[in-house]
Amino acid sequence: MAEAAAHAAAIAQAIKASGTLVRLEPQDFSRILHKQDAPLVVRARGGFFRTRWYYLTSYKGLAFFALCDEPLPLPGRAEVIDARKIWAPT
């Protein structure tokens, strides 16, 4: 678990350093996850007037983000970190 948290922190630090965050549609985000053997996914539930789901993962050195109205089905081999909040520019 500590290793996964360190990896998530590294993703967040990389985003701060480079500002690179690729926003995808939910189906494209799912495709990225299915290309990986054991994807690390950070997810958070948020929203003010309606519930939204936020997802973040890395793939080949880039950080990918998706915003969904419904929870995404994640691959069984995914390591999932439930975060309190994920902030991404819109």
N, C-alpha and C. Protein backbone atom coordinates (compact mmCIF):
# COMPACT_ATOMS: atom_id res chain seq x y z
N MET A 1 0.82 -1.19 0.00
CA MET A 1 0.00 0.00 0.00
C MET A 1 0.87 1.26 0.00
N ALA A 2 1.96 1.23 0.77
CA ALA A 2 2.85 2.38 0.81
C ALA A 2 3.48 2.64 -0.55
N GLU A 3 3.79 1.56 -1.26
CA GLU A 3 4.37 1.71 -2.60
C GLU A 3 3.38 2.37 -3.55
N ALA A 4 2.11 1.98 -3.45
CA ALA A 4 1.08 2.57 -4.30
C ALA A 4 0.90 4.05 -3.97
N ALA A 5 0.92 4.38 -2.68
CA ALA A 5 0.78 5.77 -2.28
C ALA A 5 1.96 6.60 -2.79
N ALA A 6 3.16 6.01 -2.73
CA ALA A 6 4.34 6.71 -3.24
C ALA A 6 4.23 6.93 -4.74
N HIS A 7 3.69 5.93 -5.45
CA HIS A 7 3.52 6.06 -6.89
C HIS A 7 2.50 7.17 -7.20
N ALA A 8 1.40 7.20 -6.45
CA ALA A 8 0.39 8.25 -6.65
C ALA A 8 0.98 9.62 -6.36
N ALA A 9 1.81 9.70 -5.32
CA ALA A 9 2.46 10.97 -4.99
C ALA A 9 3.41 11.39 -6.10
N ALA A 10 4.08 10.41 -6.71
CA ALA A 10 4.99 10.71 -7.81
C ALA A 10 4.22 11.25 -9.01
N ILE A 11 3.04 10.68 -9.26
CA ILE A 11 2.20 11.18 -10.35
C ILE A 11 1.81 12.63 -10.06
N ALA A 12 1.35 12.88 -8.84
CA ALA A 12 0.94 14.24 -8.48
C ALA A 12 2.10 15.21 -8.59
N GLN A 13 3.28 14.80 -8.15
CA GLN A 13 4.46 15.67 -8.23
C GLN A 13 4.83 15.94 -9.68
N ALA A 14 4.73 14.91 -10.52
CA ALA A 14 5.05 15.09 -11.93
C ALA A 14 4.08 16.08 -12.59
N ILE A 15 2.83 16.01 -12.20
CA ILE A 15 1.84 16.94 -12.75
C ILE A 15 2.17 18.36 -12.32
N LYS A 16 2.52 18.54 -11.05
CA LYS A 16 2.91 19.87 -10.58
C LYS A 16 4.12 20.39 -11.33
N ALA A 17 5.09 19.50 -11.55
CA ALA A 17 6.34 19.91 -12.19
C ALA A 17 6.15 20.23 -13.65
N SER A 18 5.39 19.43 -14.35
CA SER A 18 5.30 19.60 -15.79
C SER A 18 3.97 20.19 -16.26
N GLY A 19 2.95 20.06 -15.43
CA GLY A 19 1.65 20.57 -15.81
C GLY A 19 0.94 19.70 -16.84
N THR A 20 1.47 18.51 -17.11
CA THR A 20 0.88 17.66 -18.12
C THR A 20 -0.18 16.75 -17.52
N LEU A 21 -1.38 16.90 -17.98
CA LEU A 21 -2.49 16.06 -17.57
C LEU A 21 -3.38 15.89 -18.79
N VAL A 22 -3.58 14.67 -19.20
CA VAL A 22 -4.36 14.38 -20.40
C VAL A 22 -5.76 13.98 -19.97
N ARG A 23 -6.75 14.77 -20.38
CA ARG A 23 -8.13 14.45 -20.04
C ARG A 23 -8.73 13.60 -21.14
N LEU A 24 -9.34 12.50 -20.73
CA LEU A 24 -9.94 11.55 -21.67
C LEU A 24 -11.42 11.35 -21.37
N GLU A 25 -12.13 10.91 -22.38
CA GLU A 25 -13.49 10.45 -22.17
C GLU A 25 -13.42 9.13 -21.41
N PRO A 26 -14.46 8.79 -20.64
CA PRO A 26 -14.41 7.57 -19.83
C PRO A 26 -14.05 6.30 -20.60
N GLN A 27 -14.57 6.14 -21.81
CA GLN A 27 -14.28 4.92 -22.58
C GLN A 27 -12.81 4.87 -23.00
N ASP A 28 -12.22 6.02 -23.29
CA ASP A 28 -10.80 6.07 -23.65
C ASP A 28 -9.92 5.82 -22.43
N PHE A 29 -10.34 6.31 -21.27
CA PHE A 29 -9.63 6.06 -20.03
C PHE A 29 -9.63 4.55 -19.74
N SER A 30 -10.77 3.91 -19.94
CA SER A 30 -10.86 2.45 -19.74
C SER A 30 -9.92 1.70 -20.68
N ARG A 31 -9.80 2.16 -21.91
CA ARG A 31 -8.89 1.52 -22.86
C ARG A 31 -7.45 1.60 -22.37
N ILE A 32 -7.07 2.75 -21.82
CA ILE A 32 -5.71 2.90 -21.27
C ILE A 32 -5.50 1.90 -20.14
N LEU A 33 -6.49 1.74 -19.28
CA LEU A 33 -6.36 0.80 -18.16
C LEU A 33 -6.19 -0.63 -18.66
N HIS A 34 -6.91 -1.00 -19.69
CA HIS A 34 -6.85 -2.37 -20.20
C HIS A 34 -5.55 -2.67 -20.94
N LYS A 35 -4.78 -1.64 -21.27
CA LYS A 35 -3.47 -1.86 -21.91
C LYS A 35 -2.39 -2.22 -20.89
N GLN A 36 -2.69 -2.04 -19.60
CA GLN A 36 -1.70 -2.25 -18.54
C GLN A 36 -1.94 -3.58 -17.82
N ASP A 37 -0.84 -4.20 -17.38
CA ASP A 37 -0.96 -5.46 -16.64
C ASP A 37 -1.58 -5.25 -15.27
N ALA A 38 -1.13 -4.25 -14.54
CA ALA A 38 -1.62 -3.98 -13.19
C ALA A 38 -1.69 -2.46 -13.00
N PRO A 39 -2.72 -1.83 -13.55
CA PRO A 39 -2.79 -0.36 -13.49
C PRO A 39 -3.03 0.14 -12.06
N LEU A 40 -2.44 1.27 -11.77
CA LEU A 40 -2.71 1.97 -10.51
C LEU A 40 -3.70 3.07 -10.83
N VAL A 41 -4.83 3.07 -10.13
CA VAL A 41 -5.89 4.03 -10.38
C VAL A 41 -6.19 4.77 -9.09
N VAL A 42 -6.17 6.08 -9.16
CA VAL A 42 -6.60 6.91 -8.04
C VAL A 42 -8.00 7.41 -8.41
N ARG A 43 -8.95 7.20 -7.49
CA ARG A 43 -10.31 7.66 -7.79
C ARG A 43 -10.86 8.42 -6.59
N ALA A 44 -11.78 9.32 -6.89
CA ALA A 44 -12.44 10.11 -5.85
C ALA A 44 -13.86 10.40 -6.29
N ARG A 45 -14.73 10.44 -5.33
CA ARG A 45 -16.12 10.82 -5.60
C ARG A 45 -16.29 12.26 -5.15
N GLY A 46 -16.91 13.05 -5.98
CA GLY A 46 -17.08 14.46 -5.65
C GLY A 46 -18.31 15.02 -6.30
N GLY A 47 -18.35 16.31 -6.36
CA GLY A 47 -19.49 17.00 -6.96
C GLY A 47 -20.27 17.76 -5.91
N PHE A 48 -20.92 18.82 -6.34
CA PHE A 48 -21.69 19.64 -5.41
C PHE A 48 -23.18 19.38 -5.56
N PHE A 49 -23.69 19.53 -6.75
CA PHE A 49 -25.11 19.31 -6.99
C PHE A 49 -25.41 17.89 -7.45
N ARG A 50 -24.40 17.23 -8.00
CA ARG A 50 -24.56 15.84 -8.43
C ARG A 50 -23.24 15.11 -8.21
N THR A 51 -23.34 13.82 -8.05
CA THR A 51 -22.14 13.02 -7.80
C THR A 51 -21.37 12.84 -9.10
N ARG A 52 -20.06 13.06 -9.01
CA ARG A 52 -19.15 12.84 -10.15
C ARG A 52 -18.04 11.93 -9.66
N TRP A 53 -17.48 11.18 -10.55
CA TRP A 53 -16.35 10.30 -10.25
C TRP A 53 -15.14 10.80 -11.00
N TYR A 54 -14.03 10.93 -10.30
CA TYR A 54 -12.77 11.41 -10.85
C TYR A 54 -11.77 10.25 -10.84
N TYR A 55 -11.07 10.05 -11.94
CA TYR A 55 -10.10 8.96 -12.06
C TYR A 55 -8.78 9.50 -12.59
N LEU A 56 -7.68 8.95 -12.07
CA LEU A 56 -6.35 9.34 -12.49
C LEU A 56 -5.48 8.10 -12.57
N THR A 57 -4.69 8.00 -13.65
CA THR A 57 -3.73 6.91 -13.79
C THR A 57 -2.56 7.42 -14.62
N SER A 58 -1.49 6.66 -14.61
CA SER A 58 -0.35 7.01 -15.47
C SER A 58 -0.13 5.89 -16.47
N TYR A 59 0.40 6.27 -17.62
CA TYR A 59 0.69 5.31 -18.67
C TYR A 59 1.80 5.89 -19.53
N LYS A 60 2.90 5.17 -19.63
CA LYS A 60 4.05 5.57 -20.44
C LYS A 60 4.50 7.00 -20.15
N GLY A 61 4.52 7.35 -18.87
CA GLY A 61 5.06 8.64 -18.46
C GLY A 61 4.08 9.81 -18.49
N LEU A 62 2.86 9.58 -18.90
CA LEU A 62 1.87 10.64 -18.90
C LEU A 62 0.80 10.34 -17.86
N ALA A 63 0.16 11.38 -17.37
CA ALA A 63 -0.94 11.23 -16.41
C ALA A 63 -2.26 11.43 -17.16
N PHE A 64 -3.18 10.51 -16.95
CA PHE A 64 -4.47 10.55 -17.63
C PHE A 64 -5.58 10.72 -16.60
N PHE A 65 -6.57 11.54 -16.97
CA PHE A 65 -7.65 11.91 -16.07
C PHE A 65 -8.98 11.73 -16.78
N ALA A 66 -9.97 11.25 -16.03
CA ALA A 66 -11.33 11.15 -16.58
C ALA A 66 -12.32 11.58 -15.52
N LEU A 67 -13.39 12.19 -15.96
CA LEU A 67 -14.48 12.62 -15.11
C LEU A 67 -15.74 11.92 -15.61
N CYS A 68 -16.46 11.26 -14.70
CA CYS A 68 -17.61 10.43 -15.10
C CYS A 68 -18.81 10.70 -14.20
N ASP A 69 -19.99 10.52 -14.75
CA ASP A 69 -21.21 10.63 -13.96
C ASP A 69 -21.49 9.35 -13.18
N GLU A 70 -21.05 8.23 -13.70
CA GLU A 70 -21.25 6.92 -13.07
C GLU A 70 -19.89 6.30 -12.79
N PRO A 71 -19.78 5.43 -11.77
CA PRO A 71 -18.50 4.76 -11.51
C PRO A 71 -18.07 3.92 -12.71
N LEU A 72 -16.78 3.95 -13.01
CA LEU A 72 -16.24 3.14 -14.11
C LEU A 72 -16.00 1.71 -13.63
N PRO A 73 -16.29 0.73 -14.46
CA PRO A 73 -15.88 -0.63 -14.12
C PRO A 73 -14.35 -0.72 -14.30
N LEU A 74 -13.65 -1.11 -13.27
CA LEU A 74 -12.20 -1.18 -13.31
C LEU A 74 -11.75 -2.62 -13.46
N PRO A 75 -10.63 -2.85 -14.15
CA PRO A 75 -10.13 -4.21 -14.28
C PRO A 75 -9.84 -4.81 -12.91
N GLY A 76 -10.09 -6.09 -12.75
CA GLY A 76 -9.87 -6.76 -11.48
C GLY A 76 -8.42 -6.70 -11.01
N ARG A 77 -7.50 -6.56 -11.95
CA ARG A 77 -6.08 -6.52 -11.62
C ARG A 77 -5.60 -5.12 -11.24
N ALA A 78 -6.49 -4.14 -11.28
CA ALA A 78 -6.13 -2.76 -10.96
C ALA A 78 -5.94 -2.59 -9.46
N GLU A 79 -4.94 -1.80 -9.11
CA GLU A 79 -4.75 -1.38 -7.72
C GLU A 79 -5.41 -0.02 -7.61
N VAL A 80 -6.38 0.08 -6.72
CA VAL A 80 -7.20 1.29 -6.62
C VAL A 80 -6.91 2.01 -5.30
N ILE A 81 -6.66 3.29 -5.42
CA ILE A 81 -6.50 4.14 -4.25
C ILE A 81 -7.69 5.08 -4.22
N ASP A 82 -8.45 5.02 -3.13
CA ASP A 82 -9.58 5.93 -2.97
C ASP A 82 -9.09 7.20 -2.29
N ALA A 83 -9.16 8.29 -3.00
CA ALA A 83 -8.71 9.58 -2.50
C ALA A 83 -9.90 10.39 -2.01
N ARG A 84 -9.64 11.31 -1.14
CA ARG A 84 -10.69 12.20 -0.66
C ARG A 84 -11.10 13.15 -1.78
N LYS A 85 -10.09 13.60 -2.55
CA LYS A 85 -10.37 14.58 -3.60
C LYS A 85 -9.29 14.50 -4.67
N ILE A 86 -9.68 14.68 -5.91
CA ILE A 86 -8.76 14.85 -7.02
C ILE A 86 -9.14 16.17 -7.67
N TRP A 87 -8.18 17.04 -7.82
CA TRP A 87 -8.44 18.31 -8.47
C TRP A 87 -7.72 18.31 -9.81
N ALA A 88 -8.40 18.73 -10.83
CA ALA A 88 -7.80 18.86 -12.15
C ALA A 88 -8.38 20.10 -12.81
N PRO A 89 -7.58 20.82 -13.56
CA PRO A 89 -8.10 22.00 -14.26
C PRO A 89 -9.16 21.59 -15.28
N THR A 90 -10.14 22.42 -15.45
CA THR A 90 -11.20 22.13 -16.42
C THR A 90 -11.16 23.11 -17.55
